[in-house]
C-alpha atoms as a PDB file:
ATOM      1  CA  MET A   1     143.409 160.650  57.249  1.00  0.00           C
ATOM      2  CA  THR A   2     145.657 157.692  57.043  1.00  0.00           C
ATOM      3  CA  THR A   3     145.615 155.022  59.547  1.00  0.00           C
ATOM      4  CA  PRO A   4     149.166 154.444  61.451  1.00  0.00           C
ATOM      5  CA  TRP A   5     148.932 150.720  61.134  1.00  0.00           C
ATOM      6  CA  LEU A   6     150.888 148.655  63.382  1.00  0.00           C
ATOM      7  CA  THR A   7     154.480 147.514  62.409  1.00  0.00           C
ATOM      8  CA  ASP A   8     154.949 143.635  61.950  1.00  0.00           C
ATOM      9  CA  GLU A   9     156.692 143.681  65.358  1.00  0.00           C
ATOM     10  CA  GLN A  10     154.074 145.756  66.997  1.00  0.00           C
ATOM     11  CA  GLN A  11     151.534 143.524  65.834  1.00  0.00           C
ATOM     12  CA  ARG A  12     153.035 140.540  66.956  1.00  0.00           C
ATOM     13  CA  ILE A  13     153.465 141.957  70.442  1.00  0.00           C
ATOM     14  CA  TRP A  14     149.861 143.126  70.602  1.00  0.00           C
ATOM     15  CA  ARG A  15     148.449 139.935  69.413  1.00  0.00           C
ATOM     16  CA  ASN A  16     150.838 137.887  71.903  1.00  0.00           C
ATOM     17  CA  TRP A  17     149.598 140.128  74.828  1.00  0.00           C
ATOM     18  CA  LEU A  18     145.985 139.685  73.942  1.00  0.00           C
ATOM     19  CA  ARG A  19     146.777 135.873  73.876  1.00  0.00           C
ATOM     20  CA  LEU A  20     148.405 135.981  77.049  1.00  0.00           C
ATOM     21  CA  ASN A  21     145.607 137.835  78.908  1.00  0.00           C
ATOM     22  CA  ARG A  22     143.289 135.316  77.333  1.00  0.00           C
ATOM     23  CA  GLU A  23     145.093 132.234  78.304  1.00  0.00           C
ATOM     24  CA  LEU A  24     146.238 133.605  81.809  1.00  0.00           C
ATOM     25  CA  GLN A  25     142.581 134.197  82.591  1.00  0.00           C
ATOM     26  CA  ALA A  26     141.467 130.696  81.327  1.00  0.00           C
ATOM     27  CA  THR A  27     144.392 128.831  83.139  1.00  0.00           C
ATOM     28  CA  LEU A  28     143.525 130.680  86.371  1.00  0.00           C
ATOM     29  CA  ALA A  29     139.823 130.142  86.260  1.00  0.00           C
ATOM     30  CA  ARG A  30     140.490 126.353  85.595  1.00  0.00           C
ATOM     31  CA  GLU A  31     142.994 125.959  88.533  1.00  0.00           C
ATOM     32  CA  ILE A  32     140.763 127.866  91.044  1.00  0.00           C
ATOM     33  CA  ALA A  33     137.770 126.006  90.223  1.00  0.00           C
ATOM     34  CA  ALA A  34     139.823 122.446  90.250  1.00  0.00           C
ATOM     35  CA  THR A  35     141.217 123.454  93.825  1.00  0.00           C
ATOM     36  CA  SER A  36     138.415 125.145  95.488  1.00  0.00           C
ATOM     37  CA  ASP A  37     134.445 125.565  95.251  1.00  0.00           C
ATOM     38  CA  LEU A  38     135.199 129.111  93.699  1.00  0.00           C
ATOM     39  CA  SER A  39     135.172 130.842  90.292  1.00  0.00           C
ATOM     40  CA  MET A  40     137.082 133.433  89.280  1.00  0.00           C
ATOM     41  CA  ALA A  41     134.169 135.785  89.546  1.00  0.00           C
ATOM     42  CA  ASP A  42     133.368 134.542  93.108  1.00  0.00           C
ATOM     43  CA  PHE A  43     137.134 135.000  93.985  1.00  0.00           C
ATOM     44  CA  GLY A  44     137.270 138.375  92.441  1.00  0.00           C
ATOM     45  CA  VAL A  45     134.188 139.581  94.880  1.00  0.00           C
ATOM     46  CA  LEU A  46     135.604 138.034  97.856  1.00  0.00           C
ATOM     47  CA  VAL A  47     139.212 139.643  97.060  1.00  0.00           C
ATOM     48  CA  GLN A  48     137.338 142.978  97.113  1.00  0.00           C
ATOM     49  CA  LEU A  49     135.373 142.436 100.224  1.00  0.00           C
ATOM     50  CA  THR A  50     138.201 141.031 102.414  1.00  0.00           C
ATOM     51  CA  ASP A  51     140.516 143.676 101.214  1.00  0.00           C
ATOM     52  CA  VAL A  52     138.233 146.279 103.173  1.00  0.00           C
ATOM     53  CA  PRO A  53     138.296 146.323 107.144  1.00  0.00           C
ATOM     54  CA  GLU A  54     134.622 146.160 107.412  1.00  0.00           C
ATOM     55  CA  GLY A  55     134.447 143.311 105.047  1.00  0.00           C
ATOM     56  CA  ARG A  56     131.526 145.032 103.046  1.00  0.00           C
ATOM     57  CA  ALA A  57     131.161 147.342 100.150  1.00  0.00           C
ATOM     58  CA  ARG A  58     128.401 149.341  98.290  1.00  0.00           C
ATOM     59  CA  ILE A  59     127.305 147.263  95.331  1.00  0.00           C
ATOM     60  CA  SER A  60     127.922 150.050  92.998  1.00  0.00           C
ATOM     61  CA  GLU A  61     131.545 150.357  94.315  1.00  0.00           C
ATOM     62  CA  LEU A  62     132.072 146.787  93.968  1.00  0.00           C
ATOM     63  CA  ALA A  63     130.958 146.953  90.192  1.00  0.00           C
ATOM     64  CA  ASP A  64     133.242 149.856  89.574  1.00  0.00           C
ATOM     65  CA  ASN A  65     136.245 148.000  91.425  1.00  0.00           C
ATOM     66  CA  LEU A  66     135.610 144.644  89.320  1.00  0.00           C
ATOM     67  CA  GLY A  67     134.787 146.799  85.944  1.00  0.00           C
ATOM     68  CA  TRP A  68     131.555 144.816  85.769  1.00  0.00           C
ATOM     69  CA  GLU A  69     128.141 146.452  84.820  1.00  0.00           C
ATOM     70  CA  ARG A  70     125.842 146.524  87.818  1.00  0.00           C
ATOM     71  CA  SER A  71     123.394 143.824  86.438  1.00  0.00           C
ATOM     72  CA  ARG A  72     126.609 141.302  86.369  1.00  0.00           C
ATOM     73  CA  VAL A  73     127.277 142.041  89.704  1.00  0.00           C
ATOM     74  CA  SER A  74     123.741 141.565  91.011  1.00  0.00           C
ATOM     75  CA  HIS A  75     123.378 138.073  89.259  1.00  0.00           C
ATOM     76  CA  GLN A  76     127.062 136.998  90.626  1.00  0.00           C
ATOM     77  CA  LEU A  77     126.007 138.183  94.266  1.00  0.00           C
ATOM     78  CA  LYS A  78     122.736 136.432  93.872  1.00  0.00           C
ATOM     79  CA  ARG A  79     124.484 132.953  93.097  1.00  0.00           C
ATOM     80  CA  MET A  80     127.161 133.682  96.151  1.00  0.00           C
ATOM     81  CA  GLN A  81     124.333 134.628  98.478  1.00  0.00           C
ATOM     82  CA  SER A  82     122.556 131.416  97.729  1.00  0.00           C
ATOM     83  CA  ARG A  83     126.066 129.429  98.742  1.00  0.00           C
ATOM     84  CA  GLY A  84     126.132 131.601 101.953  1.00  0.00           C
ATOM     85  CA  LEU A  85     129.489 133.276 100.892  1.00  0.00           C
ATOM     86  CA  VAL A  86     128.188 136.999 101.130  1.00  0.00           C
ATOM     87  CA  GLU A  87     125.030 138.572 102.414  1.00  0.00           C
ATOM     88  CA  ARG A  88     123.077 141.784 101.284  1.00  0.00           C
ATOM     89  CA  PHE A  89     121.609 144.538 103.286  1.00  0.00           C
ATOM     90  CA  GLU A  90     120.139 147.872 102.871  1.00  0.00           C
ATOM     91  CA  CYS A  91     122.367 151.113 103.816  1.00  0.00           C
ATOM     92  CA  ALA A  92     120.800 152.225 107.169  1.00  0.00           C
ATOM     93  CA  GLU A  93     123.171 155.581 107.182  1.00  0.00           C
ATOM     94  CA  ASP A  94     121.465 157.093 103.987  1.00  0.00           C
ATOM     95  CA  GLY A  95     118.908 154.515 102.490  1.00  0.00           C
ATOM     96  CA  ARG A  96     120.952 154.853  99.106  1.00  0.00           C
ATOM     97  CA  GLY A  97     121.475 151.509  97.473  1.00  0.00           C
ATOM     98  CA  SER A  98     122.625 148.388  99.261  1.00  0.00           C
ATOM     99  CA  PHE A  99     125.787 146.897 100.712  1.00  0.00           C
ATOM    100  CA  VAL A 100     127.347 143.263 100.360  1.00  0.00           C
ATOM    101  CA  GLY A 101     129.250 141.824 102.951  1.00  0.00           C
ATOM    102  CA  VAL A 102     131.402 138.869 103.224  1.00  0.00           C
ATOM    103  CA  THR A 103     130.087 135.892 105.526  1.00  0.00           C
ATOM    104  CA  GLU A 104     132.245 133.738 107.529  1.00  0.00           C
ATOM    105  CA  ALA A 105     131.816 131.052 104.963  1.00  0.00           C
ATOM    106  CA  GLY A 106     132.883 133.300 102.193  1.00  0.00           C
ATOM    107  CA  ARG A 107     136.144 134.385 104.473  1.00  0.00           C
ATOM    108  CA  HIS A 108     136.863 130.540 104.669  1.00  0.00           C
ATOM    109  CA  ALA A 109     136.372 129.799 101.080  1.00  0.00           C
ATOM    110  CA  ILE A 110     138.641 132.471 100.005  1.00  0.00           C
ATOM    111  CA  ALA A 111     141.335 131.561 102.906  1.00  0.00           C
ATOM    112  CA  ASP A 112     141.034 128.035 101.547  1.00  0.00           C
ATOM    113  CA  ALA A 113     141.414 129.256  97.805  1.00  0.00           C
ATOM    114  CA  ALA A 114     144.130 132.050  98.037  1.00  0.00           C
ATOM    115  CA  PRO A 115     147.186 129.976  98.497  1.00  0.00           C
ATOM    116  CA  GLY A 116     146.804 127.897  95.523  1.00  0.00           C
ATOM    117  CA  HIS A 117     145.720 130.963  93.524  1.00  0.00           C
ATOM    118  CA  VAL A 118     148.847 132.816  94.697  1.00  0.00           C
ATOM    119  CA  ALA A 119     150.863 129.568  93.781  1.00  0.00           C
ATOM    120  CA  SER A 120     149.263 129.971  90.212  1.00  0.00           C
ATOM    121  CA  VAL A 121     150.271 133.325  89.943  1.00  0.00           C
ATOM    122  CA  ARG A 122     153.980 132.776  90.913  1.00  0.00           C
ATOM    123  CA  ARG A 123     154.204 129.682  88.656  1.00  0.00           C
ATOM    124  CA  LEU A 124     152.854 131.242  85.567  1.00  0.00           C
ATOM    125  CA  VAL A 125     154.128 134.906  86.066  1.00  0.00           C
ATOM    126  CA  VAL A 126     156.368 136.003  88.826  1.00  0.00           C
ATOM    127  CA  ASP A 127     158.694 133.189  89.014  1.00  0.00           C
ATOM    128  CA  HIS A 128     159.520 133.930  85.208  1.00  0.00           C
ATOM    129  CA  LEU A 129     160.912 137.598  85.832  1.00  0.00           C
ATOM    130  CA  THR A 130     163.632 138.617  87.759  1.00  0.00           C
ATOM    131  CA  ALA A 131     162.681 141.304  90.546  1.00  0.00           C
ATOM    132  CA  ASP A 132     163.849 144.273  88.340  1.00  0.00           C
ATOM    133  CA  GLU A 133     161.663 142.737  85.551  1.00  0.00           C
ATOM    134  CA  PHE A 134     158.762 142.402  87.612  1.00  0.00           C
ATOM    135  CA  THR A 135     159.072 146.070  88.982  1.00  0.00           C
ATOM    136  CA  ASP A 136     159.543 147.154  85.176  1.00  0.00           C
ATOM    137  CA  PHE A 137     156.253 145.212  84.230  1.00  0.00           C
ATOM    138  CA  GLY A 138     154.532 146.810  87.147  1.00  0.00           C
ATOM    139  CA  ARG A 139     155.626 150.485  85.989  1.00  0.00           C
ATOM    140  CA  LEU A 140     154.607 149.631  82.340  1.00  0.00           C
ATOM    141  CA  VAL A 141     151.090 148.164  83.471  1.00  0.00           C
ATOM    142  CA  ASP A 142     150.451 151.343  85.674  1.00  0.00           C
ATOM    143  CA  ARG A 143     151.301 153.595  82.872  1.00  0.00           C
ATOM    144  CA  LEU A 144     148.888 151.854  80.623  1.00  0.00           C
ATOM    145  CA  LEU A 145     146.016 151.592  83.112  1.00  0.00           C
ATOM    146  CA  GLU A 146     146.579 155.561  83.603  1.00  0.00           C
ATOM    147  CA  ALA A 147     146.394 156.103  79.893  1.00  0.00           C
ATOM    148  CA  ILE A 148     143.180 154.153  79.603  1.00  0.00           C
ATOM    149  CA  ASP A 149     141.717 156.077  82.916  1.00  0.00           C
ATOM    150  CA  ALA A 150     142.725 159.196  81.306  1.00  0.00           C
ATOM    151  CA  ASP A 151     141.042 158.262  78.002  1.00  0.00           C
END
């Protein structure tokens, strides 16, 4: 079987995509650390918890939503719990696993960090695309994520 190699243009775009992801993540991480007491990992966890009305989630669901191994989530939660951002508790309903919930300190931390993060996302990405381009970009991202999920 012969390998269908990427064309020069496909390879250029692919490598630029990888660079974009790497540099965007690094820039966002530097900026959130410079303007708040949160890391990007802290911010990601707090986003997941504050996006649900109860402000809590099963640790296994949190791991799935973040795309992290359960051990990484556990280590992250220990660090965040020691800083008072989250709290862990057992599931009283069925005894299967435990929950993590955002604390008031965690809610304040993300409320303080979110405006700067949104400004960074706008400055680095959103403001460089027209509304139609951003919509097209969203469709492309969705299609690629569907392909990955189906794989």
